[in-house]
């Protein structure tokens, strides 16, 4: 899932964002 969060519309960025916000 490695990608930057909140700033991309591609699949990896969306998965990374969900993982990060899920951690929150």
PDBML (XML) file of the C-alpha atoms, coordinates in Angstrom:
<?xml version="1.0" encoding="UTF-8" ?>
<PDBx:datablock datablockName="MODEL"
   xmlns:PDBx="http://pdbml.pdb.org/schema/pdbx-v50.xsd"
   xmlns:xsi="http://www.w3.org/2001/XMLSchema-instance"
   xsi:schemaLocation="http://pdbml.pdb.org/schema/pdbx-v50.xsd pdbx-v50.xsd">
   <PDBx:atom_siteCategory>
      <PDBx:atom_site id="1">
         <PDBx:B_iso_or_equiv>0.00</PDBx:B_iso_or_equiv>
         <PDBx:Cartn_x>0.000</PDBx:Cartn_x>
         <PDBx:Cartn_y>0.000</PDBx:Cartn_y>
         <PDBx:Cartn_z>0.000</PDBx:Cartn_z>
         <PDBx:auth_asym_id>A</PDBx:auth_asym_id>
         <PDBx:auth_atom_id>CA</PDBx:auth_atom_id>
         <PDBx:auth_comp_id>UNK</PDBx:auth_comp_id>
         <PDBx:auth_seq_id>1</PDBx:auth_seq_id>
         <PDBx:group_PDB>ATOM</PDBx:group_PDB>
         <PDBx:label_alt_id xsi:nil="true" />
         <PDBx:label_asym_id>A</PDBx:label_asym_id>
         <PDBx:label_atom_id>CA</PDBx:label_atom_id>
         <PDBx:label_comp_id>UNK</PDBx:label_comp_id>
         <PDBx:label_entity_id>1</PDBx:label_entity_id>
         <PDBx:label_seq_id>1</PDBx:label_seq_id>
         <PDBx:occupancy>1.00</PDBx:occupancy>
         <PDBx:pdbx_PDB_model_num>1</PDBx:pdbx_PDB_model_num>
         <PDBx:type_symbol>C</PDBx:type_symbol>
      </PDBx:atom_site>
      <PDBx:atom_site id="2">
         <PDBx:B_iso_or_equiv>0.00</PDBx:B_iso_or_equiv>
         <PDBx:Cartn_x>2.954</PDBx:Cartn_x>
         <PDBx:Cartn_y>2.399</PDBx:Cartn_y>
         <PDBx:Cartn_z>0.211</PDBx:Cartn_z>
         <PDBx:auth_asym_id>A</PDBx:auth_asym_id>
         <PDBx:auth_atom_id>CA</PDBx:auth_atom_id>
         <PDBx:auth_comp_id>UNK</PDBx:auth_comp_id>
         <PDBx:auth_seq_id>2</PDBx:auth_seq_id>
         <PDBx:group_PDB>ATOM</PDBx:group_PDB>
         <PDBx:label_alt_id xsi:nil="true" />
         <PDBx:label_asym_id>A</PDBx:label_asym_id>
         <PDBx:label_atom_id>CA</PDBx:label_atom_id>
         <PDBx:label_comp_id>UNK</PDBx:label_comp_id>
         <PDBx:label_entity_id>1</PDBx:label_entity_id>
         <PDBx:label_seq_id>2</PDBx:label_seq_id>
         <PDBx:occupancy>1.00</PDBx:occupancy>
         <PDBx:pdbx_PDB_model_num>1</PDBx:pdbx_PDB_model_num>
         <PDBx:type_symbol>C</PDBx:type_symbol>
      </PDBx:atom_site>
      <PDBx:atom_site id="3">
         <PDBx:B_iso_or_equiv>0.00</PDBx:B_iso_or_equiv>
         <PDBx:Cartn_x>2.039</PDBx:Cartn_x>
         <PDBx:Cartn_y>5.812</PDBx:Cartn_y>
         <PDBx:Cartn_z>-1.193</PDBx:Cartn_z>
         <PDBx:auth_asym_id>A</PDBx:auth_asym_id>
         <PDBx:auth_atom_id>CA</PDBx:auth_atom_id>
         <PDBx:auth_comp_id>UNK</PDBx:auth_comp_id>
         <PDBx:auth_seq_id>3</PDBx:auth_seq_id>
         <PDBx:group_PDB>ATOM</PDBx:group_PDB>
         <PDBx:label_alt_id xsi:nil="true" />
         <PDBx:label_asym_id>A</PDBx:label_asym_id>
         <PDBx:label_atom_id>CA</PDBx:label_atom_id>
         <PDBx:label_comp_id>UNK</PDBx:label_comp_id>
         <PDBx:label_entity_id>1</PDBx:label_entity_id>
         <PDBx:label_seq_id>3</PDBx:label_seq_id>
         <PDBx:occupancy>1.00</PDBx:occupancy>
         <PDBx:pdbx_PDB_model_num>1</PDBx:pdbx_PDB_model_num>
         <PDBx:type_symbol>C</PDBx:type_symbol>
      </PDBx:atom_site>
      <PDBx:atom_site id="4">
         <PDBx:B_iso_or_equiv>0.00</PDBx:B_iso_or_equiv>
         <PDBx:Cartn_x>1.538</PDBx:Cartn_x>
         <PDBx:Cartn_y>9.335</PDBx:Cartn_y>
         <PDBx:Cartn_z>0.083</PDBx:Cartn_z>
         <PDBx:auth_asym_id>A</PDBx:auth_asym_id>
         <PDBx:auth_atom_id>CA</PDBx:auth_atom_id>
         <PDBx:auth_comp_id>UNK</PDBx:auth_comp_id>
         <PDBx:auth_seq_id>4</PDBx:auth_seq_id>
         <PDBx:group_PDB>ATOM</PDBx:group_PDB>
         <PDBx:label_alt_id xsi:nil="true" />
         <PDBx:label_asym_id>A</PDBx:label_asym_id>
         <PDBx:label_atom_id>CA</PDBx:label_atom_id>
         <PDBx:label_comp_id>UNK</PDBx:label_comp_id>
         <PDBx:label_entity_id>1</PDBx:label_entity_id>
         <PDBx:label_seq_id>4</PDBx:label_seq_id>
         <PDBx:occupancy>1.00</PDBx:occupancy>
         <PDBx:pdbx_PDB_model_num>1</PDBx:pdbx_PDB_model_num>
         <PDBx:type_symbol>C</PDBx:type_symbol>
      </PDBx:atom_site>
      <PDBx:atom_site id="5">
         <PDBx:B_iso_or_equiv>0.00</PDBx:B_iso_or_equiv>
         <PDBx:Cartn_x>-1.754</PDBx:Cartn_x>
         <PDBx:Cartn_y>10.113</PDBx:Cartn_y>
         <PDBx:Cartn_z>1.790</PDBx:Cartn_z>
         <PDBx:auth_asym_id>A</PDBx:auth_asym_id>
         <PDBx:auth_atom_id>CA</PDBx:auth_atom_id>
         <PDBx:auth_comp_id>UNK</PDBx:auth_comp_id>
         <PDBx:auth_seq_id>5</PDBx:auth_seq_id>
         <PDBx:group_PDB>ATOM</PDBx:group_PDB>
         <PDBx:label_alt_id xsi:nil="true" />
         <PDBx:label_asym_id>A</PDBx:label_asym_id>
         <PDBx:label_atom_id>CA</PDBx:label_atom_id>
         <PDBx:label_comp_id>UNK</PDBx:label_comp_id>
         <PDBx:label_entity_id>1</PDBx:label_entity_id>
         <PDBx:label_seq_id>5</PDBx:label_seq_id>
         <PDBx:occupancy>1.00</PDBx:occupancy>
         <PDBx:pdbx_PDB_model_num>1</PDBx:pdbx_PDB_model_num>
         <PDBx:type_symbol>C</PDBx:type_symbol>
      </PDBx:atom_site>
      <PDBx:atom_site id="6">
         <PDBx:B_iso_or_equiv>0.00</PDBx:B_iso_or_equiv>
         <PDBx:Cartn_x>-4.567</PDBx:Cartn_x>
         <PDBx:Cartn_y>12.597</PDBx:Cartn_y>
         <PDBx:Cartn_z>1.077</PDBx:Cartn_z>
         <PDBx:auth_asym_id>A</PDBx:auth_asym_id>
         <PDBx:auth_atom_id>CA</PDBx:auth_atom_id>
         <PDBx:auth_comp_id>UNK</PDBx:auth_comp_id>
         <PDBx:auth_seq_id>6</PDBx:auth_seq_id>
         <PDBx:group_PDB>ATOM</PDBx:group_PDB>
         <PDBx:label_alt_id xsi:nil="true" />
         <PDBx:label_asym_id>A</PDBx:label_asym_id>
         <PDBx:label_atom_id>CA</PDBx:label_atom_id>
         <PDBx:label_comp_id>UNK</PDBx:label_comp_id>
         <PDBx:label_entity_id>1</PDBx:label_entity_id>
         <PDBx:label_seq_id>6</PDBx:label_seq_id>
         <PDBx:occupancy>1.00</PDBx:occupancy>
         <PDBx:pdbx_PDB_model_num>1</PDBx:pdbx_PDB_model_num>
         <PDBx:type_symbol>C</PDBx:type_symbol>
      </PDBx:atom_site>
      <PDBx:atom_site id="7">
         <PDBx:B_iso_or_equiv>0.00</PDBx:B_iso_or_equiv>
         <PDBx:Cartn_x>-3.009</PDBx:Cartn_x>
         <PDBx:Cartn_y>13.862</PDBx:Cartn_y>
         <PDBx:Cartn_z>-2.140</PDBx:Cartn_z>
         <PDBx:auth_asym_id>A</PDBx:auth_asym_id>
         <PDBx:auth_atom_id>CA</PDBx:auth_atom_id>
         <PDBx:auth_comp_id>UNK</PDBx:auth_comp_id>
         <PDBx:auth_seq_id>7</PDBx:auth_seq_id>
         <PDBx:group_PDB>ATOM</PDBx:group_PDB>
         <PDBx:label_alt_id xsi:nil="true" />
         <PDBx:label_asym_id>A</PDBx:label_asym_id>
         <PDBx:label_atom_id>CA</PDBx:label_atom_id>
         <PDBx:label_comp_id>UNK</PDBx:label_comp_id>
         <PDBx:label_entity_id>1</PDBx:label_entity_id>
         <PDBx:label_seq_id>7</PDBx:label_seq_id>
         <PDBx:occupancy>1.00</PDBx:occupancy>
         <PDBx:pdbx_PDB_model_num>1</PDBx:pdbx_PDB_model_num>
         <PDBx:type_symbol>C</PDBx:type_symbol>
      </PDBx:atom_site>
      <PDBx:atom_site id="8">
         <PDBx:B_iso_or_equiv>0.00</PDBx:B_iso_or_equiv>
         <PDBx:Cartn_x>-3.525</PDBx:Cartn_x>
         <PDBx:Cartn_y>11.174</PDBx:Cartn_y>
         <PDBx:Cartn_z>-4.748</PDBx:Cartn_z>
         <PDBx:auth_asym_id>A</PDBx:auth_asym_id>
         <PDBx:auth_atom_id>CA</PDBx:auth_atom_id>
         <PDBx:auth_comp_id>UNK</PDBx:auth_comp_id>
         <PDBx:auth_seq_id>8</PDBx:auth_seq_id>
         <PDBx:group_PDB>ATOM</PDBx:group_PDB>
         <PDBx:label_alt_id xsi:nil="true" />
         <PDBx:label_asym_id>A</PDBx:label_asym_id>
         <PDBx:label_atom_id>CA</PDBx:label_atom_id>
         <PDBx:label_comp_id>UNK</PDBx:label_comp_id>
         <PDBx:label_entity_id>1</PDBx:label_entity_id>
         <PDBx:label_seq_id>8</PDBx:label_seq_id>
         <PDBx:occupancy>1.00</PDBx:occupancy>
         <PDBx:pdbx_PDB_model_num>1</PDBx:pdbx_PDB_model_num>
         <PDBx:type_symbol>C</PDBx:type_symbol>
      </PDBx:atom_site>
      <PDBx:atom_site id="9">
         <PDBx:B_iso_or_equiv>0.00</PDBx:B_iso_or_equiv>
         <PDBx:Cartn_x>-6.471</PDBx:Cartn_x>
         <PDBx:Cartn_y>9.662</PDBx:Cartn_y>
         <PDBx:Cartn_z>-6.586</PDBx:Cartn_z>
         <PDBx:auth_asym_id>A</PDBx:auth_asym_id>
         <PDBx:auth_atom_id>CA</PDBx:auth_atom_id>
         <PDBx:auth_comp_id>UNK</PDBx:auth_comp_id>
         <PDBx:auth_seq_id>9</PDBx:auth_seq_id>
         <PDBx:group_PDB>ATOM</PDBx:group_PDB>
         <PDBx:label_alt_id xsi:nil="true" />
         <PDBx:label_asym_id>A</PDBx:label_asym_id>
         <PDBx:label_atom_id>CA</PDBx:label_atom_id>
         <PDBx:label_comp_id>UNK</PDBx:label_comp_id>
         <PDBx:label_entity_id>1</PDBx:label_entity_id>
         <PDBx:label_seq_id>9</PDBx:label_seq_id>
         <PDBx:occupancy>1.00</PDBx:occupancy>
         <PDBx:pdbx_PDB_model_num>1</PDBx:pdbx_PDB_model_num>
         <PDBx:type_symbol>C</PDBx:type_symbol>
      </PDBx:atom_site>
      <PDBx:atom_site id="10">
         <PDBx:B_iso_or_equiv>0.00</PDBx:B_iso_or_equiv>
         <PDBx:Cartn_x>-4.721</PDBx:Cartn_x>
         <PDBx:Cartn_y>6.446</PDBx:Cartn_y>
         <PDBx:Cartn_z>-7.581</PDBx:Cartn_z>
         <PDBx:auth_asym_id>A</PDBx:auth_asym_id>
         <PDBx:auth_atom_id>CA</PDBx:auth_atom_id>
         <PDBx:auth_comp_id>UNK</PDBx:auth_comp_id>
         <PDBx:auth_seq_id>10</PDBx:auth_seq_id>
         <PDBx:group_PDB>ATOM</PDBx:group_PDB>
         <PDBx:label_alt_id xsi:nil="true" />
         <PDBx:label_asym_id>A</PDBx:label_asym_id>
         <PDBx:label_atom_id>CA</PDBx:label_atom_id>
         <PDBx:label_comp_id>UNK</PDBx:label_comp_id>
         <PDBx:label_entity_id>1</PDBx:label_entity_id>
         <PDBx:label_seq_id>10</PDBx:label_seq_id>
         <PDBx:occupancy>1.00</PDBx:occupancy>
         <PDBx:pdbx_PDB_model_num>1</PDBx:pdbx_PDB_model_num>
         <PDBx:type_symbol>C</PDBx:type_symbol>
      </PDBx:atom_site>
      <PDBx:atom_site id="11">
         <PDBx:B_iso_or_equiv>0.00</PDBx:B_iso_or_equiv>
         <PDBx:Cartn_x>-5.467</PDBx:Cartn_x>
         <PDBx:Cartn_y>3.180</PDBx:Cartn_y>
         <PDBx:Cartn_z>-5.826</PDBx:Cartn_z>
         <PDBx:auth_asym_id>A</PDBx:auth_asym_id>
         <PDBx:auth_atom_id>CA</PDBx:auth_atom_id>
         <PDBx:auth_comp_id>UNK</PDBx:auth_comp_id>
         <PDBx:auth_seq_id>11</PDBx:auth_seq_id>
         <PDBx:group_PDB>ATOM</PDBx:group_PDB>
         <PDBx:label_alt_id xsi:nil="true" />
         <PDBx:label_asym_id>A</PDBx:label_asym_id>
         <PDBx:label_atom_id>CA</PDBx:label_atom_id>
         <PDBx:label_comp_id>UNK</PDBx:label_comp_id>
         <PDBx:label_entity_id>1</PDBx:label_entity_id>
         <PDBx:label_seq_id>11</PDBx:label_seq_id>
         <PDBx:occupancy>1.00</PDBx:occupancy>
         <PDBx:pdbx_PDB_model_num>1</PDBx:pdbx_PDB_model_num>
         <PDBx:type_symbol>C</PDBx:type_symbol>
      </PDBx:atom_site>
      <PDBx:atom_site id="12">
         <PDBx:B_iso_or_equiv>0.00</PDBx:B_iso_or_equiv>
         <PDBx:Cartn_x>-2.330</PDBx:Cartn_x>
         <PDBx:Cartn_y>2.978</PDBx:Cartn_y>
         <PDBx:Cartn_z>-3.684</PDBx:Cartn_z>
         <PDBx:auth_asym_id>A</PDBx:auth_asym_id>
         <PDBx:auth_atom_id>CA</PDBx:auth_atom_id>
         <PDBx:auth_comp_id>UNK</PDBx:auth_comp_id>
         <PDBx:auth_seq_id>12</PDBx:auth_seq_id>
         <PDBx:group_PDB>ATOM</PDBx:group_PDB>
         <PDBx:label_alt_id xsi:nil="true" />
         <PDBx:label_asym_id>A</PDBx:label_asym_id>
         <PDBx:label_atom_id>CA</PDBx:label_atom_id>
         <PDBx:label_comp_id>UNK</PDBx:label_comp_id>
         <PDBx:label_entity_id>1</PDBx:label_entity_id>
         <PDBx:label_seq_id>12</PDBx:label_seq_id>
         <PDBx:occupancy>1.00</PDBx:occupancy>
         <PDBx:pdbx_PDB_model_num>1</PDBx:pdbx_PDB_model_num>
         <PDBx:type_symbol>C</PDBx:type_symbol>
      </PDBx:atom_site>
      <PDBx:atom_site id="13">
         <PDBx:B_iso_or_equiv>0.00</PDBx:B_iso_or_equiv>
         <PDBx:Cartn_x>-2.790</PDBx:Cartn_x>
         <PDBx:Cartn_y>6.510</PDBx:Cartn_y>
         <PDBx:Cartn_z>-2.368</PDBx:Cartn_z>
         <PDBx:auth_asym_id>A</PDBx:auth_asym_id>
         <PDBx:auth_atom_id>CA</PDBx:auth_atom_id>
         <PDBx:auth_comp_id>UNK</PDBx:auth_comp_id>
         <PDBx:auth_seq_id>13</PDBx:auth_seq_id>
         <PDBx:group_PDB>ATOM</PDBx:group_PDB>
         <PDBx:label_alt_id xsi:nil="true" />
         <PDBx:label_asym_id>A</PDBx:label_asym_id>
         <PDBx:label_atom_id>CA</PDBx:label_atom_id>
         <PDBx:label_comp_id>UNK</PDBx:label_comp_id>
         <PDBx:label_entity_id>1</PDBx:label_entity_id>
         <PDBx:label_seq_id>13</PDBx:label_seq_id>
         <PDBx:occupancy>1.00</PDBx:occupancy>
         <PDBx:pdbx_PDB_model_num>1</PDBx:pdbx_PDB_model_num>
         <PDBx:type_symbol>C</PDBx:type_symbol>
      </PDBx:atom_site>
      <PDBx:atom_site id="14">
         <PDBx:B_iso_or_equiv>0.00</PDBx:B_iso_or_equiv>
         <PDBx:Cartn_x>-6.395</PDBx:Cartn_x>
         <PDBx:Cartn_y>5.783</PDBx:Cartn_y>
         <PDBx:Cartn_z>-1.510</PDBx:Cartn_z>
         <PDBx:auth_asym_id>A</PDBx:auth_asym_id>
         <PDBx:auth_atom_id>CA</PDBx:auth_atom_id>
         <PDBx:auth_comp_id>UNK</PDBx:auth_comp_id>
         <PDBx:auth_seq_id>14</PDBx:auth_seq_id>
         <PDBx:group_PDB>ATOM</PDBx:group_PDB>
         <PDBx:label_alt_id xsi:nil="true" />
         <PDBx:label_asym_id>A</PDBx:label_asym_id>
         <PDBx:label_atom_id>CA</PDBx:label_atom_id>
         <PDBx:label_comp_id>UNK</PDBx:label_comp_id>
         <PDBx:label_entity_id>1</PDBx:label_entity_id>
         <PDBx:label_seq_id>14</PDBx:label_seq_id>
         <PDBx:occupancy>1.00</PDBx:occupancy>
         <PDBx:pdbx_PDB_model_num>1</PDBx:pdbx_PDB_model_num>
         <PDBx:type_symbol>C</PDBx:type_symbol>
      </PDBx:atom_site>
      <PDBx:atom_site id="15">
         <PDBx:B_iso_or_equiv>0.00</PDBx:B_iso_or_equiv>
         <PDBx:Cartn_x>-5.401</PDBx:Cartn_x>
         <PDBx:Cartn_y>2.582</PDBx:Cartn_y>
         <PDBx:Cartn_z>0.315</PDBx:Cartn_z>
         <PDBx:auth_asym_id>A</PDBx:auth_asym_id>
         <PDBx:auth_atom_id>CA</PDBx:auth_atom_id>
         <PDBx:auth_comp_id>UNK</PDBx:auth_comp_id>
         <PDBx:auth_seq_id>15</PDBx:auth_seq_id>
         <PDBx:group_PDB>ATOM</PDBx:group_PDB>
         <PDBx:label_alt_id xsi:nil="true" />
         <PDBx:label_asym_id>A</PDBx:label_asym_id>
         <PDBx:label_atom_id>CA</PDBx:label_atom_id>
         <PDBx:label_comp_id>UNK</PDBx:label_comp_id>
         <PDBx:label_entity_id>1</PDBx:label_entity_id>
         <PDBx:label_seq_id>15</PDBx:label_seq_id>
         <PDBx:occupancy>1.00</PDBx:occupancy>
         <PDBx:pdbx_PDB_model_num>1</PDBx:pdbx_PDB_model_num>
         <PDBx:type_symbol>C</PDBx:type_symbol>
      </PDBx:atom_site>
      <PDBx:atom_site id="16">
         <PDBx:B_iso_or_equiv>0.00</PDBx:B_iso_or_equiv>
         <PDBx:Cartn_x>-2.619</PDBx:Cartn_x>
         <PDBx:Cartn_y>4.379</PDBx:Cartn_y>
         <PDBx:Cartn_z>2.181</PDBx:Cartn_z>
         <PDBx:auth_asym_id>A</PDBx:auth_asym_id>
         <PDBx:auth_atom_id>CA</PDBx:auth_atom_id>
         <PDBx:auth_comp_id>UNK</PDBx:auth_comp_id>
         <PDBx:auth_seq_id>16</PDBx:auth_seq_id>
         <PDBx:group_PDB>ATOM</PDBx:group_PDB>
         <PDBx:label_alt_id xsi:nil="true" />
         <PDBx:label_asym_id>A</PDBx:label_asym_id>
         <PDBx:label_atom_id>CA</PDBx:label_atom_id>
         <PDBx:label_comp_id>UNK</PDBx:label_comp_id>
         <PDBx:label_entity_id>1</PDBx:label_entity_id>
         <PDBx:label_seq_id>16</PDBx:label_seq_id>
         <PDBx:occupancy>1.00</PDBx:occupancy>
         <PDBx:pdbx_PDB_model_num>1</PDBx:pdbx_PDB_model_num>
         <PDBx:type_symbol>C</PDBx:type_symbol>
      </PDBx:atom_site>
      <PDBx:atom_site id="17">
         <PDBx:B_iso_or_equiv>0.00</PDBx:B_iso_or_equiv>
         <PDBx:Cartn_x>-5.003</PDBx:Cartn_x>
         <PDBx:Cartn_y>7.164</PDBx:Cartn_y>
         <PDBx:Cartn_z>3.171</PDBx:Cartn_z>
         <PDBx:auth_asym_id>A</PDBx:auth_asym_id>
         <PDBx:auth_atom_id>CA</PDBx:auth_atom_id>
         <PDBx:auth_comp_id>UNK</PDBx:auth_comp_id>
         <PDBx:auth_seq_id>17</PDBx:auth_seq_id>
         <PDBx:group_PDB>ATOM</PDBx:group_PDB>
         <PDBx:label_alt_id xsi:nil="true" />
         <PDBx:label_asym_id>A</PDBx:label_asym_id>
         <PDBx:label_atom_id>CA</PDBx:label_atom_id>
         <PDBx:label_comp_id>UNK</PDBx:label_comp_id>
         <PDBx:label_entity_id>1</PDBx:label_entity_id>
         <PDBx:label_seq_id>17</PDBx:label_seq_id>
         <PDBx:occupancy>1.00</PDBx:occupancy>
         <PDBx:pdbx_PDB_model_num>1</PDBx:pdbx_PDB_model_num>
         <PDBx:type_symbol>C</PDBx:type_symbol>
      </PDBx:atom_site>
      <PDBx:atom_site id="18">
         <PDBx:B_iso_or_equiv>0.00</PDBx:B_iso_or_equiv>
         <PDBx:Cartn_x>-7.539</PDBx:Cartn_x>
         <PDBx:Cartn_y>4.667</PDBx:Cartn_y>
         <PDBx:Cartn_z>4.468</PDBx:Cartn_z>
         <PDBx:auth_asym_id>A</PDBx:auth_asym_id>
         <PDBx:auth_atom_id>CA</PDBx:auth_atom_id>
         <PDBx:auth_comp_id>UNK</PDBx:auth_comp_id>
         <PDBx:auth_seq_id>18</PDBx:auth_seq_id>
         <PDBx:group_PDB>ATOM</PDBx:group_PDB>
         <PDBx:label_alt_id xsi:nil="true" />
         <PDBx:label_asym_id>A</PDBx:label_asym_id>
         <PDBx:label_atom_id>CA</PDBx:label_atom_id>
         <PDBx:label_comp_id>UNK</PDBx:label_comp_id>
         <PDBx:label_entity_id>1</PDBx:label_entity_id>
         <PDBx:label_seq_id>18</PDBx:label_seq_id>
         <PDBx:occupancy>1.00</PDBx:occupancy>
         <PDBx:pdbx_PDB_model_num>1</PDBx:pdbx_PDB_model_num>
         <PDBx:type_symbol>C</PDBx:type_symbol>
      </PDBx:atom_site>
      <PDBx:atom_site id="19">
         <PDBx:B_iso_or_equiv>0.00</PDBx:B_iso_or_equiv>
         <PDBx:Cartn_x>-4.847</PDBx:Cartn_x>
         <PDBx:Cartn_y>2.852</PDBx:Cartn_y>
         <PDBx:Cartn_z>6.439</PDBx:Cartn_z>
         <PDBx:auth_asym_id>A</PDBx:auth_asym_id>
         <PDBx:auth_atom_id>CA</PDBx:auth_atom_id>
         <PDBx:auth_comp_id>UNK</PDBx:auth_comp_id>
         <PDBx:auth_seq_id>19</PDBx:auth_seq_id>
         <PDBx:group_PDB>ATOM</PDBx:group_PDB>
         <PDBx:label_alt_id xsi:nil="true" />
         <PDBx:label_asym_id>A</PDBx:label_asym_id>
         <PDBx:label_atom_id>CA</PDBx:label_atom_id>
         <PDBx:label_comp_id>UNK</PDBx:label_comp_id>
         <PDBx:label_entity_id>1</PDBx:label_entity_id>
         <PDBx:label_seq_id>19</PDBx:label_seq_id>
         <PDBx:occupancy>1.00</PDBx:occupancy>
         <PDBx:pdbx_PDB_model_num>1</PDBx:pdbx_PDB_model_num>
         <PDBx:type_symbol>C</PDBx:type_symbol>
      </PDBx:atom_site>
      <PDBx:atom_site id="20">
         <PDBx:B_iso_or_equiv>0.00</PDBx:B_iso_or_equiv>
         <PDBx:Cartn_x>-3.616</PDBx:Cartn_x>
         <PDBx:Cartn_y>6.120</PDBx:Cartn_y>
         <PDBx:Cartn_z>7.946</PDBx:Cartn_z>
         <PDBx:auth_asym_id>A</PDBx:auth_asym_id>
         <PDBx:auth_atom_id>CA</PDBx:auth_atom_id>
         <PDBx:auth_comp_id>UNK</PDBx:auth_comp_id>
         <PDBx:auth_seq_id>20</PDBx:auth_seq_id>
         <PDBx:group_PDB>ATOM</PDBx:group_PDB>
         <PDBx:label_alt_id xsi:nil="true" />
         <PDBx:label_asym_id>A</PDBx:label_asym_id>
         <PDBx:label_atom_id>CA</PDBx:label_atom_id>
         <PDBx:label_comp_id>UNK</PDBx:label_comp_id>
         <PDBx:label_entity_id>1</PDBx:label_entity_id>
         <PDBx:label_seq_id>20</PDBx:label_seq_id>
         <PDBx:occupancy>1.00</PDBx:occupancy>
         <PDBx:pdbx_PDB_model_num>1</PDBx:pdbx_PDB_model_num>
         <PDBx:type_symbol>C</PDBx:type_symbol>
      </PDBx:atom_site>
      <PDBx:atom_site id="21">
         <PDBx:B_iso_or_equiv>0.00</PDBx:B_iso_or_equiv>
         <PDBx:Cartn_x>-7.049</PDBx:Cartn_x>
         <PDBx:Cartn_y>7.472</PDBx:Cartn_y>
         <PDBx:Cartn_z>8.828</PDBx:Cartn_z>
         <PDBx:auth_asym_id>A</PDBx:auth_asym_id>
         <PDBx:auth_atom_id>CA</PDBx:auth_atom_id>
         <PDBx:auth_comp_id>UNK</PDBx:auth_comp_id>
         <PDBx:auth_seq_id>21</PDBx:auth_seq_id>
         <PDBx:group_PDB>ATOM</PDBx:group_PDB>
         <PDBx:label_alt_id xsi:nil="true" />
         <PDBx:label_asym_id>A</PDBx:label_asym_id>
         <PDBx:label_atom_id>CA</PDBx:label_atom_id>
         <PDBx:label_comp_id>UNK</PDBx:label_comp_id>
         <PDBx:label_entity_id>1</PDBx:label_entity_id>
         <PDBx:label_seq_id>21</PDBx:label_seq_id>
         <PDBx:occupancy>1.00</PDBx:occupancy>
         <PDBx:pdbx_PDB_model_num>1</PDBx:pdbx_PDB_model_num>
         <PDBx:type_symbol>C</PDBx:type_symbol>
      </PDBx:atom_site>
      <PDBx:atom_site id="22">
         <PDBx:B_iso_or_equiv>0.00</PDBx:B_iso_or_equiv>
         <PDBx:Cartn_x>-8.097</PDBx:Cartn_x>
         <PDBx:Cartn_y>4.015</PDBx:Cartn_y>
         <PDBx:Cartn_z>9.992</PDBx:Cartn_z>
         <PDBx:auth_asym_id>A</PDBx:auth_asym_id>
         <PDBx:auth_atom_id>CA</PDBx:auth_atom_id>
         <PDBx:auth_comp_id>UNK</PDBx:auth_comp_id>
         <PDBx:auth_seq_id>22</PDBx:auth_seq_id>
         <PDBx:group_PDB>ATOM</PDBx:group_PDB>
         <PDBx:label_alt_id xsi:nil="true" />
         <PDBx:label_asym_id>A</PDBx:label_asym_id>
         <PDBx:label_atom_id>CA</PDBx:label_atom_id>
         <PDBx:label_comp_id>UNK</PDBx:label_comp_id>
         <PDBx:label_entity_id>1</PDBx:label_entity_id>
         <PDBx:label_seq_id>22</PDBx:label_seq_id>
         <PDBx:occupancy>1.00</PDBx:occupancy>
         <PDBx:pdbx_PDB_model_num>1</PDBx:pdbx_PDB_model_num>
         <PDBx:type_symbol>C</PDBx:type_symbol>
      </PDBx:atom_site>
      <PDBx:atom_site id="23">
         <PDBx:B_iso_or_equiv>0.00</PDBx:B_iso_or_equiv>
         <PDBx:Cartn_x>-5.165</PDBx:Cartn_x>
         <PDBx:Cartn_y>4.138</PDBx:Cartn_y>
         <PDBx:Cartn_z>12.398</PDBx:Cartn_z>
         <PDBx:auth_asym_id>A</PDBx:auth_asym_id>
         <PDBx:auth_atom_id>CA</PDBx:auth_atom_id>
         <PDBx:auth_comp_id>UNK</PDBx:auth_comp_id>
         <PDBx:auth_seq_id>23</PDBx:auth_seq_id>
         <PDBx:group_PDB>ATOM</PDBx:group_PDB>
         <PDBx:label_alt_id xsi:nil="true" />
         <PDBx:label_asym_id>A</PDBx:label_asym_id>
         <PDBx:label_atom_id>CA</PDBx:label_atom_id>
         <PDBx:label_comp_id>UNK</PDBx:label_comp_id>
         <PDBx:label_entity_id>1</PDBx:label_entity_id>
         <PDBx:label_seq_id>23</PDBx:label_seq_id>
         <PDBx:occupancy>1.00</PDBx:occupancy>
         <PDBx:pdbx_PDB_model_num>1</PDBx:pdbx_PDB_model_num>
         <PDBx:type_symbol>C</PDBx:type_symbol>
      </PDBx:atom_site>
      <PDBx:atom_site id="24">
         <PDBx:B_iso_or_equiv>0.00</PDBx:B_iso_or_equiv>
         <PDBx:Cartn_x>-6.434</PDBx:Cartn_x>
         <PDBx:Cartn_y>7.485</PDBx:Cartn_y>
         <PDBx:Cartn_z>13.673</PDBx:Cartn_z>
         <PDBx:auth_asym_id>A</PDBx:auth_asym_id>
         <PDBx:auth_atom_id>CA</PDBx:auth_atom_id>
         <PDBx:auth_comp_id>UNK</PDBx:auth_comp_id>
         <PDBx:auth_seq_id>24</PDBx:auth_seq_id>
         <PDBx:group_PDB>ATOM</PDBx:group_PDB>
         <PDBx:label_alt_id xsi:nil="true" />
         <PDBx:label_asym_id>A</PDBx:label_asym_id>
         <PDBx:label_atom_id>CA</PDBx:label_atom_id>
         <PDBx:label_comp_id>UNK</PDBx:label_comp_id>
         <PDBx:label_entity_id>1</PDBx:label_entity_id>
         <PDBx:label_seq_id>24</PDBx:label_seq_id>
         <PDBx:occupancy>1.00</PDBx:occupancy>
         <PDBx:pdbx_PDB_model_num>1</PDBx:pdbx_PDB_model_num>
         <PDBx:type_symbol>C</PDBx:type_symbol>
      </PDBx:atom_site>
   </PDBx:atom_siteCategory>
</PDBx:datablock>
